[in-house]
Amino acid sequence: MHRSRQPLDQIDRVILSHLQNEGRITNVELAERAGLTAPPCLRRVRALEEGGVIRGYHADLDADSLGYGITVFAMVSLKSQAEADLRAFEEHVAALPQVRECHMLNGEIDFILKVAAHDLQEFQRFLTTSLTPAPNVASVKTSLTIRTSKSLPGVPVDL
């Protein structure tokens, strides 16, 4: 449950910037960088967590090291854009671990999905067994990623 958000001050933004860039930073080091002592820094971090500004922590894994050789963007158009049908599609893709991101769009395409697969054959099986035949799917257009030149997690933190 998220508390009502208080405006972020400069110290909060410094804390968020450092945590986003270096999630395993110690509280002591974070406090030093934010110009605080450790206890008030920890209180601020906890408040940012409880307020929903910090949603979680994770390790940034190398896809190739885990055998995921390809990333594909799939642009999905649905037959119906009724809210119940949109939610049903979102629930369907939420259960598919290969789908790493799902964004609803405005315009001709309803959703864009970021899909990880070990190889092209695995992606083709995923496409024909899990995505194209899903209820309400009208069409799926795909683009294979050739190279990723930038991939930053999170959002810019204005300091």
N, C-alpha and C. Protein backbone atom coordinates (compact mmCIF):
# COMPACT_ATOMS: atom_id res chain seq x y z
N MET A 1 0.85 -1.18 0.00
CA MET A 1 0.00 0.00 0.00
C MET A 1 0.89 1.24 0.00
N HIS A 2 0.62 2.15 -0.93
CA HIS A 2 1.44 3.35 -1.04
C HIS A 2 0.85 4.49 -0.22
N ARG A 3 1.72 5.14 0.51
CA ARG A 3 1.29 6.34 1.23
C ARG A 3 1.19 7.48 0.24
N SER A 4 0.52 8.55 0.64
CA SER A 4 0.48 9.70 -0.25
C SER A 4 1.91 10.24 -0.37
N ARG A 5 2.26 10.60 -1.57
CA ARG A 5 3.63 11.01 -1.85
C ARG A 5 3.88 12.44 -1.44
N GLN A 6 4.96 12.60 -0.71
CA GLN A 6 5.44 13.94 -0.38
C GLN A 6 6.35 14.39 -1.52
N PRO A 7 6.47 15.69 -1.75
CA PRO A 7 7.40 16.14 -2.79
C PRO A 7 8.82 15.68 -2.45
N LEU A 8 9.56 15.31 -3.47
CA LEU A 8 10.94 14.88 -3.28
C LEU A 8 11.84 16.10 -3.18
N ASP A 9 12.68 16.12 -2.16
CA ASP A 9 13.64 17.22 -2.06
C ASP A 9 14.96 16.80 -2.71
N GLN A 10 15.92 17.69 -2.70
CA GLN A 10 17.21 17.45 -3.35
C GLN A 10 17.92 16.23 -2.75
N ILE A 11 17.85 16.06 -1.45
CA ILE A 11 18.53 14.92 -0.81
C ILE A 11 17.87 13.61 -1.26
N ASP A 12 16.53 13.57 -1.32
CA ASP A 12 15.84 12.38 -1.81
C ASP A 12 16.31 12.04 -3.23
N ARG A 13 16.44 13.06 -4.06
CA ARG A 13 16.84 12.84 -5.45
C ARG A 13 18.27 12.31 -5.54
N VAL A 14 19.15 12.81 -4.70
CA VAL A 14 20.52 12.31 -4.67
C VAL A 14 20.52 10.84 -4.25
N ILE A 15 19.76 10.52 -3.22
CA ILE A 15 19.64 9.14 -2.75
C ILE A 15 19.11 8.25 -3.88
N LEU A 16 18.05 8.67 -4.54
CA LEU A 16 17.45 7.88 -5.61
C LEU A 16 18.42 7.68 -6.77
N SER A 17 19.14 8.73 -7.13
CA SER A 17 20.10 8.62 -8.23
C SER A 17 21.18 7.60 -7.92
N HIS A 18 21.73 7.65 -6.72
CA HIS A 18 22.79 6.71 -6.35
C HIS A 18 22.26 5.28 -6.24
N LEU A 19 21.08 5.11 -5.66
CA LEU A 19 20.52 3.76 -5.53
C LEU A 19 20.18 3.17 -6.91
N GLN A 20 19.68 4.00 -7.81
CA GLN A 20 19.34 3.49 -9.13
C GLN A 20 20.60 3.05 -9.89
N ASN A 21 21.68 3.81 -9.73
CA ASN A 21 22.92 3.49 -10.43
C ASN A 21 23.72 2.39 -9.76
N GLU A 22 23.54 2.24 -8.46
CA GLU A 22 24.37 1.31 -7.69
C GLU A 22 23.53 0.75 -6.54
N GLY A 23 22.67 -0.19 -6.85
CA GLY A 23 21.70 -0.71 -5.89
C GLY A 23 22.29 -1.39 -4.67
N ARG A 24 23.55 -1.81 -4.75
CA ARG A 24 24.16 -2.51 -3.62
C ARG A 24 25.02 -1.59 -2.76
N ILE A 25 24.90 -0.30 -2.96
CA ILE A 25 25.66 0.65 -2.15
C ILE A 25 25.26 0.49 -0.68
N THR A 26 26.22 0.61 0.21
CA THR A 26 25.89 0.51 1.64
C THR A 26 25.19 1.78 2.10
N ASN A 27 24.43 1.66 3.16
CA ASN A 27 23.75 2.83 3.70
C ASN A 27 24.77 3.88 4.15
N VAL A 28 25.90 3.44 4.69
CA VAL A 28 26.93 4.38 5.16
C VAL A 28 27.47 5.18 3.97
N GLU A 29 27.79 4.49 2.86
CA GLU A 29 28.30 5.18 1.67
C GLU A 29 27.23 6.09 1.07
N LEU A 30 26.00 5.61 1.02
CA LEU A 30 24.90 6.41 0.49
C LEU A 30 24.70 7.67 1.33
N ALA A 31 24.73 7.50 2.64
CA ALA A 31 24.57 8.65 3.54
C ALA A 31 25.67 9.68 3.30
N GLU A 32 26.90 9.20 3.14
CA GLU A 32 28.02 10.11 2.89
C GLU A 32 27.81 10.89 1.60
N ARG A 33 27.40 10.22 0.56
CA ARG A 33 27.18 10.89 -0.74
C ARG A 33 26.01 11.87 -0.68
N ALA A 34 25.04 11.59 0.18
CA ALA A 34 23.87 12.48 0.30
C ALA A 34 24.08 13.58 1.33
N GLY A 35 25.22 13.54 2.02
CA GLY A 35 25.51 14.57 3.03
C GLY A 35 24.73 14.36 4.32
N LEU A 36 24.45 13.11 4.65
CA LEU A 36 23.70 12.78 5.86
C LEU A 36 24.51 11.81 6.73
N THR A 37 24.02 11.58 7.94
CA THR A 37 24.54 10.47 8.72
C THR A 37 23.68 9.25 8.38
N ALA A 38 24.13 8.07 8.80
CA ALA A 38 23.46 6.83 8.39
C ALA A 38 22.00 6.72 8.84
N PRO A 39 21.65 7.02 10.11
CA PRO A 39 20.25 6.82 10.52
C PRO A 39 19.23 7.63 9.73
N PRO A 40 19.43 8.95 9.52
CA PRO A 40 18.41 9.66 8.72
C PRO A 40 18.38 9.23 7.26
N CYS A 41 19.52 8.79 6.75
CA CYS A 41 19.55 8.29 5.37
C CYS A 41 18.69 7.03 5.26
N LEU A 42 18.85 6.12 6.20
CA LEU A 42 18.07 4.90 6.20
C LEU A 42 16.57 5.19 6.34
N ARG A 43 16.24 6.17 7.18
CA ARG A 43 14.83 6.56 7.34
C ARG A 43 14.27 7.07 6.01
N ARG A 44 15.06 7.87 5.29
CA ARG A 44 14.60 8.39 4.00
C ARG A 44 14.41 7.27 2.99
N VAL A 45 15.36 6.33 2.95
CA VAL A 45 15.24 5.21 2.01
C VAL A 45 13.98 4.41 2.32
N ARG A 46 13.75 4.13 3.59
CA ARG A 46 12.55 3.36 3.98
C ARG A 46 11.28 4.13 3.60
N ALA A 47 11.29 5.43 3.81
CA ALA A 47 10.11 6.24 3.44
C ALA A 47 9.89 6.22 1.92
N LEU A 48 10.98 6.26 1.16
CA LEU A 48 10.85 6.19 -0.30
C LEU A 48 10.34 4.82 -0.74
N GLU A 49 10.75 3.77 -0.04
CA GLU A 49 10.24 2.43 -0.32
C GLU A 49 8.75 2.33 0.02
N GLU A 50 8.40 2.77 1.23
CA GLU A 50 7.01 2.69 1.68
C GLU A 50 6.09 3.57 0.84
N GLY A 51 6.61 4.69 0.35
CA GLY A 51 5.82 5.58 -0.49
C GLY A 51 5.69 5.10 -1.93
N GLY A 52 6.37 4.02 -2.27
CA GLY A 52 6.27 3.48 -3.62
C GLY A 52 7.19 4.13 -4.64
N VAL A 53 8.03 5.07 -4.21
CA VAL A 53 8.97 5.70 -5.14
C VAL A 53 10.03 4.68 -5.53
N ILE A 54 10.54 3.94 -4.55
CA ILE A 54 11.44 2.82 -4.82
C ILE A 54 10.56 1.58 -4.83
N ARG A 55 10.45 0.94 -6.00
CA ARG A 55 9.55 -0.20 -6.15
C ARG A 55 10.24 -1.53 -5.85
N GLY A 56 11.56 -1.56 -5.86
CA GLY A 56 12.25 -2.82 -5.60
C GLY A 56 13.71 -2.73 -5.99
N TYR A 57 14.39 -3.83 -5.80
CA TYR A 57 15.81 -3.94 -6.11
C TYR A 57 16.00 -5.22 -6.91
N HIS A 58 16.91 -5.20 -7.87
CA HIS A 58 17.15 -6.41 -8.66
C HIS A 58 18.57 -6.42 -9.19
N ALA A 59 19.01 -7.59 -9.62
CA ALA A 59 20.30 -7.74 -10.30
C ALA A 59 20.07 -7.58 -11.79
N ASP A 60 20.97 -6.91 -12.47
CA ASP A 60 20.90 -6.73 -13.92
C ASP A 60 21.67 -7.89 -14.55
N LEU A 61 20.95 -8.87 -15.09
CA LEU A 61 21.57 -10.08 -15.60
C LEU A 61 21.92 -9.96 -17.07
N ASP A 62 23.01 -10.61 -17.47
CA ASP A 62 23.45 -10.63 -18.86
C ASP A 62 22.71 -11.74 -19.60
N ALA A 63 21.89 -11.37 -20.57
CA ALA A 63 21.06 -12.34 -21.30
C ALA A 63 21.91 -13.41 -21.98
N ASP A 64 22.99 -13.02 -22.63
CA ASP A 64 23.84 -13.99 -23.34
C ASP A 64 24.41 -15.03 -22.39
N SER A 65 24.79 -14.60 -21.19
CA SER A 65 25.36 -15.55 -20.22
C SER A 65 24.35 -16.61 -19.82
N LEU A 66 23.07 -16.29 -19.92
CA LEU A 66 22.01 -17.24 -19.58
C LEU A 66 21.45 -17.94 -20.81
N GLY A 67 22.11 -17.73 -21.95
CA GLY A 67 21.70 -18.41 -23.17
C GLY A 67 20.59 -17.76 -23.96
N TYR A 68 20.20 -16.54 -23.59
CA TYR A 68 19.16 -15.83 -24.34
C TYR A 68 19.83 -15.00 -25.42
N GLY A 69 19.89 -15.57 -26.61
CA GLY A 69 20.64 -14.97 -27.70
C GLY A 69 19.89 -13.93 -28.50
N ILE A 70 18.57 -13.90 -28.37
CA ILE A 70 17.84 -12.92 -29.17
C ILE A 70 16.79 -12.19 -28.33
N THR A 71 16.57 -10.95 -28.73
CA THR A 71 15.49 -10.13 -28.17
C THR A 71 14.64 -9.68 -29.35
N VAL A 72 13.34 -9.85 -29.21
CA VAL A 72 12.41 -9.49 -30.28
C VAL A 72 11.37 -8.54 -29.72
N PHE A 73 11.01 -7.55 -30.50
CA PHE A 73 9.90 -6.67 -30.16
C PHE A 73 8.71 -7.13 -31.00
N ALA A 74 7.61 -7.41 -30.32
CA ALA A 74 6.40 -7.86 -30.99
C ALA A 74 5.33 -6.78 -30.84
N MET A 75 4.79 -6.36 -31.97
CA MET A 75 3.74 -5.35 -31.99
C MET A 75 2.42 -6.05 -32.23
N VAL A 76 1.55 -5.97 -31.23
CA VAL A 76 0.31 -6.76 -31.23
C VAL A 76 -0.89 -5.84 -31.43
N SER A 77 -1.73 -6.22 -32.38
CA SER A 77 -3.01 -5.55 -32.58
C SER A 77 -4.10 -6.51 -32.13
N LEU A 78 -5.06 -5.98 -31.40
CA LEU A 78 -6.18 -6.80 -30.91
C LEU A 78 -7.42 -6.55 -31.75
N LYS A 79 -8.33 -7.53 -31.74
CA LYS A 79 -9.59 -7.40 -32.46
C LYS A 79 -10.52 -6.42 -31.75
N SER A 80 -10.45 -6.40 -30.42
CA SER A 80 -11.31 -5.53 -29.62
C SER A 80 -10.45 -4.77 -28.62
N GLN A 81 -10.76 -3.50 -28.43
CA GLN A 81 -10.05 -2.69 -27.44
C GLN A 81 -10.92 -2.38 -26.23
N ALA A 82 -11.95 -3.19 -26.03
CA ALA A 82 -12.78 -3.03 -24.83
C ALA A 82 -11.89 -3.30 -23.62
N GLU A 83 -12.14 -2.60 -22.54
CA GLU A 83 -11.28 -2.69 -21.36
C GLU A 83 -11.10 -4.13 -20.87
N ALA A 84 -12.16 -4.91 -20.87
CA ALA A 84 -12.06 -6.30 -20.42
C ALA A 84 -11.13 -7.10 -21.33
N ASP A 85 -11.17 -6.83 -22.63
CA ASP A 85 -10.30 -7.53 -23.58
C ASP A 85 -8.84 -7.10 -23.43
N LEU A 86 -8.62 -5.81 -23.18
CA LEU A 86 -7.25 -5.32 -22.94
C LEU A 86 -6.67 -5.97 -21.69
N ARG A 87 -7.45 -6.01 -20.64
CA ARG A 87 -6.99 -6.62 -19.38
C ARG A 87 -6.74 -8.12 -19.55
N ALA A 88 -7.58 -8.79 -20.30
CA ALA A 88 -7.40 -10.23 -20.53
C ALA A 88 -6.08 -10.49 -21.26
N PHE A 89 -5.76 -9.64 -22.23
CA PHE A 89 -4.49 -9.80 -22.94
C PHE A 89 -3.32 -9.54 -22.00
N GLU A 90 -3.42 -8.48 -21.20
CA GLU A 90 -2.36 -8.18 -20.24
C GLU A 90 -2.14 -9.33 -19.26
N GLU A 91 -3.22 -9.94 -18.81
CA GLU A 91 -3.12 -11.08 -17.90
C GLU A 91 -2.47 -12.28 -18.60
N HIS A 92 -2.79 -12.47 -19.86
CA HIS A 92 -2.21 -13.57 -20.63
C HIS A 92 -0.69 -13.40 -20.73
N VAL A 93 -0.24 -12.21 -21.13
CA VAL A 93 1.21 -12.03 -21.30
C VAL A 93 1.94 -11.95 -19.96
N ALA A 94 1.24 -11.56 -18.89
CA ALA A 94 1.87 -11.52 -17.57
C ALA A 94 2.33 -12.91 -17.14
N ALA A 95 1.66 -13.94 -17.64
CA ALA A 95 2.00 -15.32 -17.28
C ALA A 95 3.08 -15.92 -18.18
N LEU A 96 3.56 -15.18 -19.16
CA LEU A 96 4.58 -15.68 -20.09
C LEU A 96 5.95 -15.13 -19.69
N PRO A 97 6.84 -15.96 -19.15
CA PRO A 97 8.13 -15.46 -18.69
C PRO A 97 9.02 -14.89 -19.79
N GLN A 98 8.82 -15.30 -21.03
CA GLN A 98 9.62 -14.77 -22.13
C GLN A 98 9.33 -13.30 -22.38
N VAL A 99 8.11 -12.87 -22.03
CA VAL A 99 7.73 -11.46 -22.22
C VAL A 99 8.31 -10.68 -21.05
N ARG A 100 9.30 -9.83 -21.34
CA ARG A 100 9.99 -9.08 -20.31
C ARG A 100 9.37 -7.70 -20.09
N GLU A 101 8.72 -7.17 -21.10
CA GLU A 101 8.03 -5.88 -20.98
C GLU A 101 6.77 -5.93 -21.83
N CYS A 102 5.75 -5.23 -21.37
CA CYS A 102 4.50 -5.12 -22.12
C CYS A 102 4.00 -3.69 -21.93
N HIS A 103 3.85 -3.00 -23.05
CA HIS A 103 3.40 -1.60 -23.00
C HIS A 103 2.18 -1.44 -23.91
N MET A 104 1.11 -0.84 -23.36
CA MET A 104 -0.04 -0.50 -24.20
C MET A 104 0.28 0.81 -24.91
N LEU A 105 -0.05 0.86 -26.19
CA LEU A 105 0.24 2.04 -27.01
C LEU A 105 -1.05 2.66 -27.52
N ASN A 106 -0.94 3.91 -27.94
CA ASN A 106 -2.07 4.49 -28.68
C ASN A 106 -1.75 4.35 -30.15
N GLY A 107 -2.75 4.46 -30.99
CA GLY A 107 -2.52 4.35 -32.42
C GLY A 107 -2.87 2.98 -32.96
N GLU A 108 -2.25 2.62 -34.06
CA GLU A 108 -2.59 1.40 -34.79
C GLU A 108 -2.24 0.12 -34.03
N ILE A 109 -1.14 0.14 -33.31
CA ILE A 109 -0.68 -1.02 -32.55
C ILE A 109 -1.20 -0.88 -31.12
N ASP A 110 -1.73 -1.97 -30.56
CA ASP A 110 -2.28 -1.91 -29.20
C ASP A 110 -1.22 -2.14 -28.13
N PHE A 111 -0.30 -3.09 -28.37
CA PHE A 111 0.73 -3.41 -27.38
C PHE A 111 2.06 -3.64 -28.08
N ILE A 112 3.13 -3.29 -27.39
CA ILE A 112 4.47 -3.69 -27.83
C ILE A 112 5.06 -4.52 -26.69
N LEU A 113 5.61 -5.67 -27.06
CA LEU A 113 6.18 -6.60 -26.10
C LEU A 113 7.67 -6.75 -26.38
N LYS A 114 8.44 -6.82 -25.32
CA LYS A 114 9.86 -7.15 -25.44
C LYS A 114 9.98 -8.61 -25.01
N VAL A 115 10.48 -9.44 -25.93
CA VAL A 115 10.50 -10.89 -25.72
C VAL A 115 11.93 -11.39 -25.78
N ALA A 116 12.32 -12.20 -24.80
CA ALA A 116 13.65 -12.84 -24.78
C ALA A 116 13.48 -14.30 -25.18
N ALA A 117 14.39 -14.78 -26.02
CA ALA A 117 14.37 -16.20 -26.43
C ALA A 117 15.80 -16.69 -26.60
N HIS A 118 15.96 -18.00 -26.46
CA HIS A 118 17.29 -18.59 -26.64
C HIS A 118 17.76 -18.48 -28.09
N ASP A 119 16.84 -18.69 -29.01
CA ASP A 119 17.19 -18.63 -30.43
C ASP A 119 15.93 -18.35 -31.25
N LEU A 120 16.11 -18.22 -32.55
CA LEU A 120 15.00 -17.86 -33.42
C LEU A 120 13.93 -18.96 -33.46
N GLN A 121 14.36 -20.22 -33.42
CA GLN A 121 13.40 -21.31 -33.44
C GLN A 121 12.51 -21.28 -32.19
N GLU A 122 13.12 -21.03 -31.03
CA GLU A 122 12.34 -20.94 -29.80
C GLU A 122 11.35 -19.78 -29.88
N PHE A 123 11.80 -18.63 -30.40
CA PHE A 123 10.90 -17.50 -30.54
C PHE A 123 9.74 -17.84 -31.47
N GLN A 124 10.04 -18.53 -32.57
CA GLN A 124 8.99 -18.90 -33.53
C GLN A 124 7.95 -19.79 -32.85
N ARG A 125 8.40 -20.75 -32.03
CA ARG A 125 7.46 -21.61 -31.29
C ARG A 125 6.61 -20.78 -30.33
N PHE A 126 7.27 -19.85 -29.62
CA PHE A 126 6.55 -18.97 -28.70
C PHE A 126 5.49 -18.17 -29.46
N LEU A 127 5.86 -17.64 -30.60
CA LEU A 127 4.96 -16.82 -31.40
C LEU A 127 3.74 -17.62 -31.84
N THR A 128 3.97 -18.84 -32.31
CA THR A 128 2.86 -19.62 -32.88
C THR A 128 2.05 -20.37 -31.84
N THR A 129 2.62 -20.61 -30.65
CA THR A 129 1.86 -21.36 -29.65
C THR A 129 1.32 -20.49 -28.51
N SER A 130 1.98 -19.37 -28.22
CA SER A 130 1.57 -18.57 -27.06
C SER A 130 1.04 -17.18 -27.39
N LEU A 131 1.51 -16.61 -28.49
CA LEU A 131 1.14 -15.21 -28.74
C LEU A 131 0.07 -15.06 -29.82
N THR A 132 0.34 -15.53 -31.02
CA THR A 132 -0.62 -15.36 -32.12
C THR A 132 -1.98 -15.99 -31.82
N PRO A 133 -2.02 -17.20 -31.23
CA PRO A 133 -3.34 -17.80 -30.97
C PRO A 133 -4.03 -17.30 -29.70
N ALA A 134 -3.44 -16.37 -29.00
CA ALA A 134 -4.06 -15.85 -27.78
C ALA A 134 -5.41 -15.22 -28.11
N PRO A 135 -6.37 -15.30 -27.19
CA PRO A 135 -7.70 -14.73 -27.45
C PRO A 135 -7.61 -13.24 -27.82
N ASN A 136 -8.39 -12.86 -28.83
CA ASN A 136 -8.55 -11.47 -29.22
C ASN A 136 -7.37 -10.91 -30.03
N VAL A 137 -6.32 -11.69 -30.32
CA VAL A 137 -5.19 -11.19 -31.10
C VAL A 137 -5.57 -11.17 -32.57
N ALA A 138 -5.47 -9.99 -33.19
CA ALA A 138 -5.76 -9.85 -34.61
C ALA A 138 -4.50 -10.06 -35.45
N SER A 139 -3.38 -9.46 -35.01
CA SER A 139 -2.13 -9.61 -35.76
C SER A 139 -0.94 -9.33 -34.85
N VAL A 140 0.19 -9.91 -35.24
CA VAL A 140 1.45 -9.69 -34.53
C VAL A 140 2.52 -9.40 -35.57
N LYS A 141 3.18 -8.28 -35.42
CA LYS A 141 4.33 -7.94 -36.27
C LYS A 141 5.56 -7.98 -35.38
N THR A 142 6.65 -8.55 -35.88
CA THR A 142 7.83 -8.69 -35.04
C THR A 142 9.05 -8.04 -35.68
N SER A 143 9.95 -7.57 -34.82
CA SER A 143 11.24 -7.04 -35.24
C SER A 143 12.31 -7.61 -34.33
N LEU A 144 13.27 -8.28 -34.94
CA LEU A 144 14.39 -8.88 -34.22
C LEU A 144 15.43 -7.81 -33.92
N THR A 145 15.89 -7.74 -32.69
CA THR A 145 16.92 -6.78 -32.32
C THR A 145 18.25 -7.24 -32.90
N ILE A 146 18.92 -6.37 -33.62
CA ILE A 146 20.23 -6.68 -34.18
C ILE A 146 21.33 -6.29 -33.20
N ARG A 147 21.17 -5.13 -32.58
CA ARG A 147 22.17 -4.65 -31.64
C ARG A 147 21.49 -3.70 -30.67
N THR A 148 21.92 -3.74 -29.41
CA THR A 148 21.42 -2.80 -28.41
C THR A 148 22.56 -1.85 -28.07
N SER A 149 22.39 -0.58 -28.36
CA SER A 149 23.45 0.39 -28.09
C SER A 149 23.22 1.14 -26.79
N LYS A 150 22.02 1.06 -26.24
CA LYS A 150 21.73 1.71 -24.96
C LYS A 150 20.60 0.97 -24.28
N SER A 151 20.79 0.68 -23.02
CA SER A 151 19.76 0.03 -22.23
C SER A 151 19.95 0.44 -20.77
N LEU A 152 19.22 1.42 -20.34
CA LEU A 152 19.32 1.91 -18.98
C LEU A 152 18.08 1.56 -18.19
N PRO A 153 18.24 1.00 -17.00
CA PRO A 153 17.05 0.74 -16.19
C PRO A 153 16.54 2.03 -15.55
N GLY A 154 15.31 2.01 -15.11
CA GLY A 154 14.78 3.14 -14.34
C GLY A 154 14.44 4.36 -15.17
N VAL A 155 14.50 5.51 -14.52
CA VAL A 155 14.15 6.78 -15.14
C VAL A 155 15.22 7.82 -14.78
N PRO A 156 15.34 8.89 -15.58
CA PRO A 156 16.28 9.94 -15.22
C PRO A 156 15.86 10.59 -13.89
N VAL A 157 16.82 10.88 -13.05
CA VAL A 157 16.54 11.56 -11.78
C VAL A 157 17.06 12.99 -11.92
N ASP A 158 16.14 13.94 -11.91
CA ASP A 158 16.52 15.35 -12.02
C ASP A 158 17.12 15.80 -10.70
N LEU A 159 18.37 16.21 -10.74
CA LEU A 159 19.04 16.68 -9.52
C LEU A 159 19.02 18.20 -9.44
